[in-house]
Amino acid sequence: LLEINPRASSWNLLAYACGVNIPYIAYRDVVGLPAEAMQLQSEGPRYLYFGHDRRAFMDYRRHGDCGFVEWVRSLIGKNVYQYFAADDPGPWLSLLKEKVTSRL
């Protein structure tokens, strides 16, 4: 944990997926409520930003550090995504439309 930022940004999704609700903790602090007993955080979920991840893969592949199959396997599992959410695909679709339009 680098800092506690009470703004509910997409970075908080990773902490939440691991069992730590940072915005709720910040809220309780601001309104003067005592901190609740914390459960142990779970490990495993990863934060994926496909644009950056793809560029990193290309660099790793160029240096022989990671093959395509290995990279795809790294994407499987419980993940939190920068722009994609199955229950709200709007932001991702908007970004996709912007990318396609800019290429045309």
N, C-alpha and C. Protein backbone atom coordinates (compact mmCIF):
# COMPACT_ATOMS: atom_id res chain seq x y z
N LEU A 1 0.86 -1.17 0.00
CA LEU A 1 0.00 0.00 0.00
C LEU A 1 0.89 1.22 0.00
N LEU A 2 0.75 2.06 -1.01
CA LEU A 2 1.56 3.26 -1.12
C LEU A 2 0.92 4.43 -0.41
N GLU A 3 -0.37 4.57 -0.55
CA GLU A 3 -1.08 5.67 0.09
C GLU A 3 -2.55 5.31 0.18
N ILE A 4 -3.25 5.99 1.03
CA ILE A 4 -4.69 5.83 1.08
C ILE A 4 -5.29 7.04 0.40
N ASN A 5 -5.96 6.81 -0.70
CA ASN A 5 -6.59 7.87 -1.47
C ASN A 5 -8.08 7.58 -1.43
N PRO A 6 -8.87 8.41 -0.76
CA PRO A 6 -10.28 8.09 -0.60
C PRO A 6 -11.13 8.23 -1.87
N ARG A 7 -10.57 8.79 -2.94
CA ARG A 7 -11.34 8.84 -4.17
C ARG A 7 -11.53 7.41 -4.67
N ALA A 8 -12.74 7.11 -5.06
CA ALA A 8 -13.04 5.75 -5.51
C ALA A 8 -12.65 5.59 -6.98
N SER A 9 -11.39 5.32 -7.21
CA SER A 9 -10.90 5.14 -8.57
C SER A 9 -10.81 3.65 -8.89
N SER A 10 -10.45 3.35 -10.13
CA SER A 10 -10.35 1.94 -10.51
C SER A 10 -9.24 1.21 -9.76
N TRP A 11 -8.26 1.92 -9.22
CA TRP A 11 -7.21 1.26 -8.45
C TRP A 11 -7.76 0.63 -7.18
N ASN A 12 -8.83 1.20 -6.64
CA ASN A 12 -9.43 0.62 -5.43
C ASN A 12 -10.08 -0.72 -5.70
N LEU A 13 -10.38 -1.01 -6.96
CA LEU A 13 -11.00 -2.29 -7.31
C LEU A 13 -10.11 -3.47 -6.95
N LEU A 14 -8.80 -3.31 -7.12
CA LEU A 14 -7.89 -4.41 -6.79
C LEU A 14 -7.91 -4.69 -5.29
N ALA A 15 -7.83 -3.65 -4.48
CA ALA A 15 -7.89 -3.84 -3.03
C ALA A 15 -9.21 -4.49 -2.64
N TYR A 16 -10.31 -4.04 -3.25
CA TYR A 16 -11.62 -4.61 -2.95
C TYR A 16 -11.69 -6.09 -3.34
N ALA A 17 -11.13 -6.43 -4.49
CA ALA A 17 -11.11 -7.84 -4.93
C ALA A 17 -10.30 -8.70 -3.97
N CYS A 18 -9.38 -8.07 -3.24
CA CYS A 18 -8.55 -8.79 -2.26
C CYS A 18 -9.15 -8.74 -0.86
N GLY A 19 -10.34 -8.13 -0.73
CA GLY A 19 -11.02 -8.11 0.56
C GLY A 19 -10.83 -6.87 1.39
N VAL A 20 -10.27 -5.80 0.83
CA VAL A 20 -10.05 -4.56 1.57
C VAL A 20 -10.82 -3.44 0.88
N ASN A 21 -11.80 -2.88 1.56
CA ASN A 21 -12.64 -1.83 0.99
C ASN A 21 -12.13 -0.46 1.44
N ILE A 22 -11.17 0.08 0.72
CA ILE A 22 -10.52 1.33 1.11
C ILE A 22 -11.50 2.51 1.16
N PRO A 23 -12.40 2.70 0.19
CA PRO A 23 -13.33 3.82 0.32
C PRO A 23 -14.19 3.73 1.59
N TYR A 24 -14.61 2.53 1.96
CA TYR A 24 -15.42 2.36 3.17
C TYR A 24 -14.60 2.67 4.42
N ILE A 25 -13.37 2.24 4.43
CA ILE A 25 -12.48 2.55 5.57
C ILE A 25 -12.31 4.06 5.69
N ALA A 26 -12.09 4.73 4.57
CA ALA A 26 -11.93 6.19 4.57
C ALA A 26 -13.21 6.87 5.05
N TYR A 27 -14.36 6.39 4.59
CA TYR A 27 -15.64 6.95 5.01
C TYR A 27 -15.80 6.85 6.52
N ARG A 28 -15.55 5.67 7.07
CA ARG A 28 -15.69 5.48 8.52
C ARG A 28 -14.77 6.42 9.28
N ASP A 29 -13.58 6.64 8.76
CA ASP A 29 -12.64 7.55 9.42
C ASP A 29 -13.16 9.00 9.38
N VAL A 30 -13.67 9.42 8.24
CA VAL A 30 -14.14 10.81 8.08
C VAL A 30 -15.33 11.11 8.98
N VAL A 31 -16.25 10.15 9.13
CA VAL A 31 -17.43 10.41 9.95
C VAL A 31 -17.20 10.06 11.43
N GLY A 32 -15.98 9.68 11.77
CA GLY A 32 -15.63 9.44 13.17
C GLY A 32 -16.03 8.09 13.72
N LEU A 33 -16.34 7.14 12.85
CA LEU A 33 -16.67 5.80 13.32
C LEU A 33 -15.40 5.01 13.56
N PRO A 34 -15.42 4.10 14.52
CA PRO A 34 -14.22 3.30 14.76
C PRO A 34 -13.94 2.34 13.60
N ALA A 35 -12.70 2.01 13.46
CA ALA A 35 -12.32 1.04 12.42
C ALA A 35 -12.88 -0.33 12.77
N GLU A 36 -13.35 -1.04 11.76
CA GLU A 36 -13.83 -2.39 11.98
C GLU A 36 -12.66 -3.37 11.98
N ALA A 37 -12.85 -4.50 12.62
CA ALA A 37 -11.82 -5.53 12.60
C ALA A 37 -11.61 -5.98 11.15
N MET A 38 -10.39 -6.05 10.73
CA MET A 38 -10.07 -6.41 9.36
C MET A 38 -9.91 -7.91 9.24
N GLN A 39 -10.44 -8.45 8.16
CA GLN A 39 -10.17 -9.84 7.83
C GLN A 39 -8.84 -9.88 7.09
N LEU A 40 -8.25 -11.01 6.99
CA LEU A 40 -7.02 -11.11 6.22
C LEU A 40 -7.32 -10.90 4.76
N GLN A 41 -6.47 -10.15 4.11
CA GLN A 41 -6.66 -9.93 2.67
C GLN A 41 -6.38 -11.22 1.92
N SER A 42 -7.06 -11.39 0.82
CA SER A 42 -6.79 -12.54 -0.02
C SER A 42 -5.79 -12.13 -1.10
N GLU A 43 -5.08 -13.07 -1.60
CA GLU A 43 -4.10 -12.79 -2.65
C GLU A 43 -4.51 -13.53 -3.91
N GLY A 44 -4.08 -13.04 -5.03
CA GLY A 44 -4.37 -13.71 -6.29
C GLY A 44 -4.91 -12.80 -7.36
N PRO A 45 -5.93 -11.95 -7.05
CA PRO A 45 -6.43 -11.09 -8.11
C PRO A 45 -5.33 -10.17 -8.64
N ARG A 46 -5.42 -9.89 -9.94
CA ARG A 46 -4.44 -9.00 -10.57
C ARG A 46 -5.17 -7.86 -11.25
N TYR A 47 -4.50 -6.72 -11.32
CA TYR A 47 -5.02 -5.54 -12.00
C TYR A 47 -4.48 -5.54 -13.41
N LEU A 48 -5.36 -5.60 -14.40
CA LEU A 48 -4.92 -5.66 -15.79
C LEU A 48 -5.37 -4.43 -16.58
N TYR A 49 -4.41 -3.85 -17.25
CA TYR A 49 -4.66 -2.74 -18.16
C TYR A 49 -4.09 -3.24 -19.48
N PHE A 50 -4.97 -3.71 -20.37
CA PHE A 50 -4.54 -4.43 -21.56
C PHE A 50 -3.53 -3.66 -22.41
N GLY A 51 -3.69 -2.35 -22.54
CA GLY A 51 -2.74 -1.58 -23.35
C GLY A 51 -1.33 -1.70 -22.82
N HIS A 52 -1.17 -1.49 -21.52
CA HIS A 52 0.16 -1.59 -20.91
C HIS A 52 0.65 -3.03 -20.88
N ASP A 53 -0.26 -3.95 -20.58
CA ASP A 53 0.12 -5.35 -20.48
C ASP A 53 0.59 -5.89 -21.83
N ARG A 54 -0.09 -5.50 -22.89
CA ARG A 54 0.30 -5.93 -24.23
C ARG A 54 1.69 -5.39 -24.59
N ARG A 55 1.93 -4.13 -24.29
CA ARG A 55 3.26 -3.55 -24.58
C ARG A 55 4.35 -4.24 -23.76
N ALA A 56 4.05 -4.56 -22.52
CA ALA A 56 5.03 -5.26 -21.68
C ALA A 56 5.31 -6.65 -22.25
N PHE A 57 4.24 -7.35 -22.68
CA PHE A 57 4.43 -8.67 -23.29
C PHE A 57 5.33 -8.58 -24.51
N MET A 58 5.10 -7.59 -25.36
CA MET A 58 5.91 -7.45 -26.59
C MET A 58 7.39 -7.28 -26.21
N ASP A 59 7.65 -6.51 -25.17
CA ASP A 59 9.04 -6.31 -24.72
C ASP A 59 9.61 -7.60 -24.15
N TYR A 60 8.84 -8.29 -23.30
CA TYR A 60 9.30 -9.56 -22.73
C TYR A 60 9.57 -10.59 -23.83
N ARG A 61 8.67 -10.66 -24.81
CA ARG A 61 8.84 -11.61 -25.90
C ARG A 61 10.09 -11.29 -26.71
N ARG A 62 10.32 -10.01 -26.97
CA ARG A 62 11.49 -9.58 -27.74
C ARG A 62 12.79 -10.02 -27.05
N HIS A 63 12.77 -10.02 -25.72
CA HIS A 63 13.96 -10.42 -24.96
C HIS A 63 13.97 -11.90 -24.59
N GLY A 64 12.95 -12.64 -25.04
CA GLY A 64 12.91 -14.08 -24.78
C GLY A 64 12.48 -14.44 -23.38
N ASP A 65 11.84 -13.51 -22.66
CA ASP A 65 11.44 -13.76 -21.27
C ASP A 65 10.05 -14.36 -21.12
N CYS A 66 9.22 -14.28 -22.19
CA CYS A 66 7.84 -14.75 -22.07
C CYS A 66 7.31 -15.06 -23.45
N GLY A 67 6.70 -16.25 -23.61
CA GLY A 67 6.08 -16.63 -24.87
C GLY A 67 4.60 -16.29 -24.85
N PHE A 68 3.95 -16.40 -26.01
CA PHE A 68 2.54 -16.05 -26.13
C PHE A 68 1.65 -16.89 -25.22
N VAL A 69 1.86 -18.20 -25.21
CA VAL A 69 1.02 -19.09 -24.39
C VAL A 69 1.20 -18.75 -22.91
N GLU A 70 2.42 -18.52 -22.51
CA GLU A 70 2.69 -18.15 -21.11
C GLU A 70 1.99 -16.85 -20.75
N TRP A 71 2.00 -15.88 -21.67
CA TRP A 71 1.34 -14.60 -21.43
C TRP A 71 -0.17 -14.78 -21.30
N VAL A 72 -0.77 -15.56 -22.21
CA VAL A 72 -2.21 -15.79 -22.15
C VAL A 72 -2.58 -16.48 -20.84
N ARG A 73 -1.80 -17.43 -20.40
CA ARG A 73 -2.05 -18.10 -19.12
C ARG A 73 -2.02 -17.11 -17.96
N SER A 74 -1.16 -16.10 -18.06
CA SER A 74 -1.06 -15.11 -16.99
C SER A 74 -2.32 -14.25 -16.90
N LEU A 75 -3.12 -14.22 -17.96
CA LEU A 75 -4.34 -13.41 -17.99
C LEU A 75 -5.54 -14.16 -17.42
N ILE A 76 -5.39 -15.47 -17.22
CA ILE A 76 -6.49 -16.30 -16.73
C ILE A 76 -6.51 -16.25 -15.21
N GLY A 77 -7.68 -16.15 -14.67
CA GLY A 77 -7.83 -16.12 -13.22
C GLY A 77 -8.70 -14.96 -12.79
N LYS A 78 -8.69 -14.68 -11.50
CA LYS A 78 -9.49 -13.58 -10.97
C LYS A 78 -8.74 -12.29 -11.22
N ASN A 79 -9.31 -11.45 -12.07
CA ASN A 79 -8.65 -10.21 -12.44
C ASN A 79 -9.59 -9.02 -12.28
N VAL A 80 -8.98 -7.87 -12.13
CA VAL A 80 -9.68 -6.59 -12.13
C VAL A 80 -9.11 -5.84 -13.33
N TYR A 81 -9.99 -5.25 -14.12
CA TYR A 81 -9.56 -4.61 -15.35
C TYR A 81 -9.69 -3.09 -15.28
N GLN A 82 -8.77 -2.41 -15.95
CA GLN A 82 -8.78 -0.94 -15.99
C GLN A 82 -10.08 -0.41 -16.56
N TYR A 83 -10.53 -0.94 -17.70
CA TYR A 83 -11.70 -0.40 -18.37
C TYR A 83 -12.85 -1.38 -18.54
N PHE A 84 -12.63 -2.66 -18.34
CA PHE A 84 -13.66 -3.65 -18.64
C PHE A 84 -14.33 -4.18 -17.39
N ALA A 85 -15.66 -4.27 -17.45
CA ALA A 85 -16.44 -4.94 -16.40
C ALA A 85 -17.61 -5.61 -17.10
N ALA A 86 -17.81 -6.89 -16.85
CA ALA A 86 -18.88 -7.64 -17.51
C ALA A 86 -20.25 -7.04 -17.20
N ASP A 87 -20.42 -6.50 -16.00
CA ASP A 87 -21.72 -5.93 -15.63
C ASP A 87 -21.89 -4.48 -16.08
N ASP A 88 -20.83 -3.87 -16.64
CA ASP A 88 -20.92 -2.51 -17.17
C ASP A 88 -19.90 -2.34 -18.29
N PRO A 89 -20.20 -2.87 -19.47
CA PRO A 89 -19.23 -2.82 -20.56
C PRO A 89 -19.15 -1.45 -21.26
N GLY A 90 -19.97 -0.49 -20.85
CA GLY A 90 -20.00 0.82 -21.50
C GLY A 90 -18.65 1.52 -21.63
N PRO A 91 -17.88 1.69 -20.55
CA PRO A 91 -16.58 2.37 -20.68
C PRO A 91 -15.64 1.65 -21.65
N TRP A 92 -15.63 0.33 -21.60
CA TRP A 92 -14.75 -0.42 -22.51
C TRP A 92 -15.20 -0.27 -23.96
N LEU A 93 -16.52 -0.35 -24.19
CA LEU A 93 -17.03 -0.19 -25.55
C LEU A 93 -16.76 1.22 -26.08
N SER A 94 -16.86 2.21 -25.22
CA SER A 94 -16.56 3.58 -25.62
C SER A 94 -15.09 3.73 -26.00
N LEU A 95 -14.22 3.15 -25.21
CA LEU A 95 -12.78 3.19 -25.51
C LEU A 95 -12.49 2.46 -26.81
N LEU A 96 -13.11 1.30 -27.01
CA LEU A 96 -12.92 0.53 -28.23
C LEU A 96 -13.39 1.34 -29.45
N LYS A 97 -14.55 1.98 -29.34
CA LYS A 97 -15.05 2.81 -30.43
C LYS A 97 -14.09 3.95 -30.74
N GLU A 98 -13.56 4.57 -29.70
CA GLU A 98 -12.59 5.67 -29.88
C GLU A 98 -11.33 5.18 -30.59
N LYS A 99 -10.84 4.02 -30.20
CA LYS A 99 -9.63 3.46 -30.82
C LYS A 99 -9.88 3.14 -32.29
N VAL A 100 -11.02 2.49 -32.58
CA VAL A 100 -11.32 2.11 -33.97
C VAL A 100 -11.51 3.37 -34.82
N THR A 101 -12.24 4.33 -34.30
CA THR A 101 -12.47 5.58 -35.04
C THR A 101 -11.17 6.31 -35.33
N SER A 102 -10.27 6.34 -34.37
CA SER A 102 -9.00 7.05 -34.58
C SER A 102 -8.12 6.34 -35.60
N ARG A 103 -8.27 5.02 -35.73
CA ARG A 103 -7.49 4.27 -36.73
C ARG A 103 -8.03 4.48 -38.14
N LEU A 104 -9.34 4.76 -38.24
CA LEU A 104 -9.95 4.97 -39.55
C LEU A 104 -9.65 6.37 -40.01
